[in-house]
N, C-alpha and C. Protein backbone atom coordinates (compact mmCIF):
# COMPACT_ATOMS: atom_id res chain seq x y z
N MET A 1 -1.28 2.12 -0.44
CA MET A 1 -2.58 3.01 0.21
C MET A 1 -1.73 3.64 1.26
N ALA A 2 -2.10 5.07 1.31
CA ALA A 2 -1.44 5.91 2.28
C ALA A 2 -2.27 5.65 3.69
N TYR A 3 -1.41 6.02 4.86
CA TYR A 3 -1.91 5.85 6.09
C TYR A 3 -2.95 6.77 6.42
N ILE A 4 -2.77 7.96 5.83
CA ILE A 4 -3.84 8.95 6.06
C ILE A 4 -5.30 8.47 5.60
N ASP A 5 -5.40 7.87 4.62
CA ASP A 5 -6.66 7.36 3.92
C ASP A 5 -7.24 6.28 4.98
N LEU A 6 -6.44 5.61 5.68
CA LEU A 6 -7.01 4.50 6.57
C LEU A 6 -7.49 5.25 7.90
N THR A 7 -6.94 6.44 8.23
CA THR A 7 -7.51 7.02 9.35
C THR A 7 -9.02 7.30 9.37
N SER A 8 -9.61 7.47 8.29
CA SER A 8 -10.92 7.87 8.15
C SER A 8 -11.90 6.64 8.11
N LYS A 9 -11.41 5.45 7.96
CA LYS A 9 -12.19 4.14 7.96
C LYS A 9 -12.60 3.73 9.31
N THR A 10 -13.62 3.07 9.42
CA THR A 10 -13.98 2.38 10.68
C THR A 10 -13.26 1.17 10.91
N GLU A 11 -13.43 0.62 12.10
CA GLU A 11 -12.71 -0.47 12.37
C GLU A 11 -13.04 -1.77 11.62
N LYS A 12 -14.50 -1.92 11.46
CA LYS A 12 -14.64 -3.01 10.56
C LYS A 12 -14.39 -2.82 9.26
N GLU A 13 -14.22 -1.69 8.56
CA GLU A 13 -13.73 -1.44 7.23
C GLU A 13 -12.26 -1.70 7.28
N LEU A 14 -11.39 -1.49 8.28
CA LEU A 14 -9.99 -1.76 8.38
C LEU A 14 -9.95 -3.59 8.57
N GLN A 15 -10.70 -4.04 9.29
CA GLN A 15 -10.57 -5.44 9.46
C GLN A 15 -10.85 -6.11 7.99
N ALA A 16 -11.87 -5.70 7.20
CA ALA A 16 -12.21 -6.29 5.87
C ALA A 16 -11.12 -5.97 4.84
N LEU A 17 -10.49 -4.75 5.24
CA LEU A 17 -9.37 -4.41 4.26
C LEU A 17 -8.18 -5.40 4.52
N LEU A 18 -7.98 -5.56 5.88
CA LEU A 18 -6.82 -6.25 6.10
C LEU A 18 -6.74 -7.75 5.70
N ALA A 19 -8.12 -8.38 5.73
CA ALA A 19 -8.30 -9.70 5.16
C ALA A 19 -8.23 -9.76 3.81
N GLN A 20 -8.54 -8.62 3.00
CA GLN A 20 -8.63 -8.62 1.59
C GLN A 20 -6.98 -8.67 1.23
N LYS A 21 -6.30 -7.62 1.97
CA LYS A 21 -4.62 -7.61 1.78
C LYS A 21 -4.07 -8.88 1.93
N ARG A 22 -4.45 -9.52 3.17
CA ARG A 22 -3.65 -10.84 3.34
C ARG A 22 -3.81 -11.87 2.14
N ASP A 23 -5.17 -11.83 1.77
CA ASP A 23 -5.61 -12.80 0.65
C ASP A 23 -4.87 -12.54 -0.52
N ALA A 24 -4.68 -11.31 -0.82
CA ALA A 24 -4.11 -10.73 -2.08
C ALA A 24 -2.46 -11.45 -1.77
N LEU A 25 -1.76 -11.13 -0.68
CA LEU A 25 -0.57 -11.51 -0.52
C LEU A 25 -0.33 -12.81 -0.65
N ARG A 26 -1.24 -13.68 -0.04
CA ARG A 26 -1.23 -15.17 -0.25
C ARG A 26 -1.20 -15.41 -1.63
N GLU A 27 -2.14 -14.90 -2.62
CA GLU A 27 -2.19 -15.09 -3.98
C GLU A 27 -0.92 -14.72 -4.63
N LEU A 28 -0.23 -13.67 -4.30
CA LEU A 28 1.05 -13.33 -4.86
C LEU A 28 2.14 -14.23 -4.61
N ARG A 29 2.07 -14.73 -3.26
CA ARG A 29 3.14 -15.69 -3.07
C ARG A 29 3.00 -17.11 -3.75
N PHE A 30 1.81 -17.39 -4.14
CA PHE A 30 1.61 -18.72 -4.81
C PHE A 30 2.04 -18.30 -6.20
N LYS A 31 1.80 -17.22 -6.81
CA LYS A 31 2.36 -16.97 -8.28
C LYS A 31 3.74 -16.90 -8.28
N VAL A 32 4.52 -16.42 -7.35
CA VAL A 32 5.83 -16.29 -7.36
C VAL A 32 6.50 -17.74 -7.20
N SER A 33 5.85 -18.62 -6.41
CA SER A 33 6.24 -20.07 -6.29
C SER A 33 5.86 -20.83 -7.66
N GLU A 34 4.95 -20.40 -8.38
CA GLU A 34 4.87 -21.03 -9.61
C GLU A 34 5.46 -20.52 -10.89
N GLY A 35 6.18 -19.43 -10.57
CA GLY A 35 6.94 -18.77 -11.54
C GLY A 35 6.14 -17.74 -12.63
N GLN A 36 4.79 -17.51 -12.14
CA GLN A 36 4.02 -16.79 -12.91
C GLN A 36 4.04 -15.25 -12.71
N LEU A 37 4.65 -14.89 -11.64
CA LEU A 37 4.96 -13.41 -11.19
C LEU A 37 6.04 -12.92 -11.52
N LYS A 38 6.44 -11.96 -12.26
CA LYS A 38 7.72 -11.25 -12.43
C LYS A 38 7.90 -10.23 -11.76
N GLN A 39 6.86 -9.47 -11.26
CA GLN A 39 7.16 -8.28 -10.57
C GLN A 39 7.03 -8.60 -9.07
N THR A 40 8.06 -9.14 -8.57
CA THR A 40 8.16 -9.60 -7.19
C THR A 40 8.08 -8.38 -6.25
N HIS A 41 8.44 -7.13 -6.65
CA HIS A 41 8.26 -6.04 -5.66
C HIS A 41 6.80 -5.89 -5.15
N LEU A 42 5.84 -6.37 -5.83
CA LEU A 42 4.53 -6.27 -5.48
C LEU A 42 4.36 -6.88 -4.13
N ILE A 43 5.13 -7.95 -3.70
CA ILE A 43 4.97 -8.54 -2.42
C ILE A 43 5.38 -7.68 -1.36
N SER A 44 6.50 -6.91 -1.41
CA SER A 44 6.84 -6.06 -0.29
C SER A 44 5.83 -4.80 -0.40
N GLU A 45 5.28 -4.34 -1.26
CA GLU A 45 4.29 -3.26 -1.43
C GLU A 45 2.96 -3.67 -0.52
N MET A 46 2.69 -5.13 -0.91
CA MET A 46 1.62 -5.46 -0.16
C MET A 46 1.83 -5.71 1.41
N LYS A 47 3.00 -6.12 1.79
CA LYS A 47 3.33 -6.17 3.11
C LYS A 47 3.30 -4.89 3.74
N ARG A 48 3.80 -3.91 3.19
CA ARG A 48 3.75 -2.47 3.69
C ARG A 48 2.36 -2.04 3.69
N ASP A 49 1.50 -2.35 2.99
CA ASP A 49 0.00 -2.13 3.10
C ASP A 49 -0.59 -2.75 4.25
N ILE A 50 -0.37 -3.90 4.47
CA ILE A 50 -0.67 -4.66 5.74
C ILE A 50 -0.20 -3.85 6.85
N ALA A 51 1.02 -3.75 6.82
CA ALA A 51 1.55 -3.03 8.09
C ALA A 51 0.76 -1.67 8.42
N HIS A 52 0.52 -0.90 7.32
CA HIS A 52 -0.23 0.23 7.51
C HIS A 52 -1.64 0.02 8.18
N VAL A 53 -2.40 -0.88 7.58
CA VAL A 53 -3.55 -1.35 8.01
C VAL A 53 -3.46 -1.61 9.65
N LEU A 54 -2.72 -2.61 9.83
CA LEU A 54 -2.51 -3.00 11.23
C LEU A 54 -1.94 -1.82 12.30
N THR A 55 -1.26 -0.86 11.67
CA THR A 55 -0.83 0.28 12.49
C THR A 55 -2.21 1.18 12.88
N ALA A 56 -2.98 1.31 11.79
CA ALA A 56 -4.18 2.12 11.95
C ALA A 56 -5.10 1.45 13.04
N LEU A 57 -5.26 0.21 12.88
CA LEU A 57 -5.96 -0.58 13.89
C LEU A 57 -5.56 -0.52 15.42
N ASN A 58 -4.31 -0.60 15.52
CA ASN A 58 -3.65 -0.57 16.85
C ASN A 58 -3.82 0.86 17.29
N ALA A 59 -3.63 1.86 16.53
CA ALA A 59 -3.67 3.25 16.87
C ALA A 59 -5.07 3.51 17.51
N ARG A 60 -5.97 3.04 16.76
CA ARG A 60 -7.57 3.29 16.88
C ARG A 60 -7.67 2.72 18.32
N ARG A 61 -7.56 1.44 18.57
CA ARG A 61 -7.66 0.60 19.79
C ARG A 61 -6.93 1.43 20.99
N HIS A 62 -5.79 1.87 20.65
CA HIS A 62 -5.05 2.47 21.73
C HIS A 62 -5.71 3.93 22.18
N ASP A 63 -6.41 4.44 21.19
CA ASP A 63 -7.04 5.91 21.67
C ASP A 63 -8.22 5.45 22.40
N GLU A 64 -8.93 4.62 21.70
CA GLU A 64 -10.05 4.16 22.58
C GLU A 64 -9.92 3.65 24.09
N ALA A 65 -8.82 3.05 24.18
CA ALA A 65 -8.50 2.59 25.47
C ALA A 65 -8.10 3.83 26.49
N ASN A 66 -7.55 4.83 25.80
CA ASN A 66 -7.09 6.10 26.68
C ASN A 66 -8.05 6.91 27.04
N GLN A 67 -9.44 6.76 26.14
CA GLN A 67 -10.34 7.63 26.25
C GLN A 67 -11.30 7.17 27.32
N GLN A 68 -11.25 5.67 27.62
CA GLN A 68 -12.00 5.19 28.75
C GLN A 68 -11.39 5.43 30.18
């Protein structure tokens, strides 16, 4: 998911997306440990997506703090 797509989402949507991505990452880790997942690059992609969401959340909070 591109960062530009995240800027149009609300904070609640970002929180929900973050929870969803973290659950998906946990499932990927379980699959790797069980030997079911051969595409291990998906883990790093999921981590990158989580970082994008966290960056968007922090930027939004920073902007709101500066406006007040």
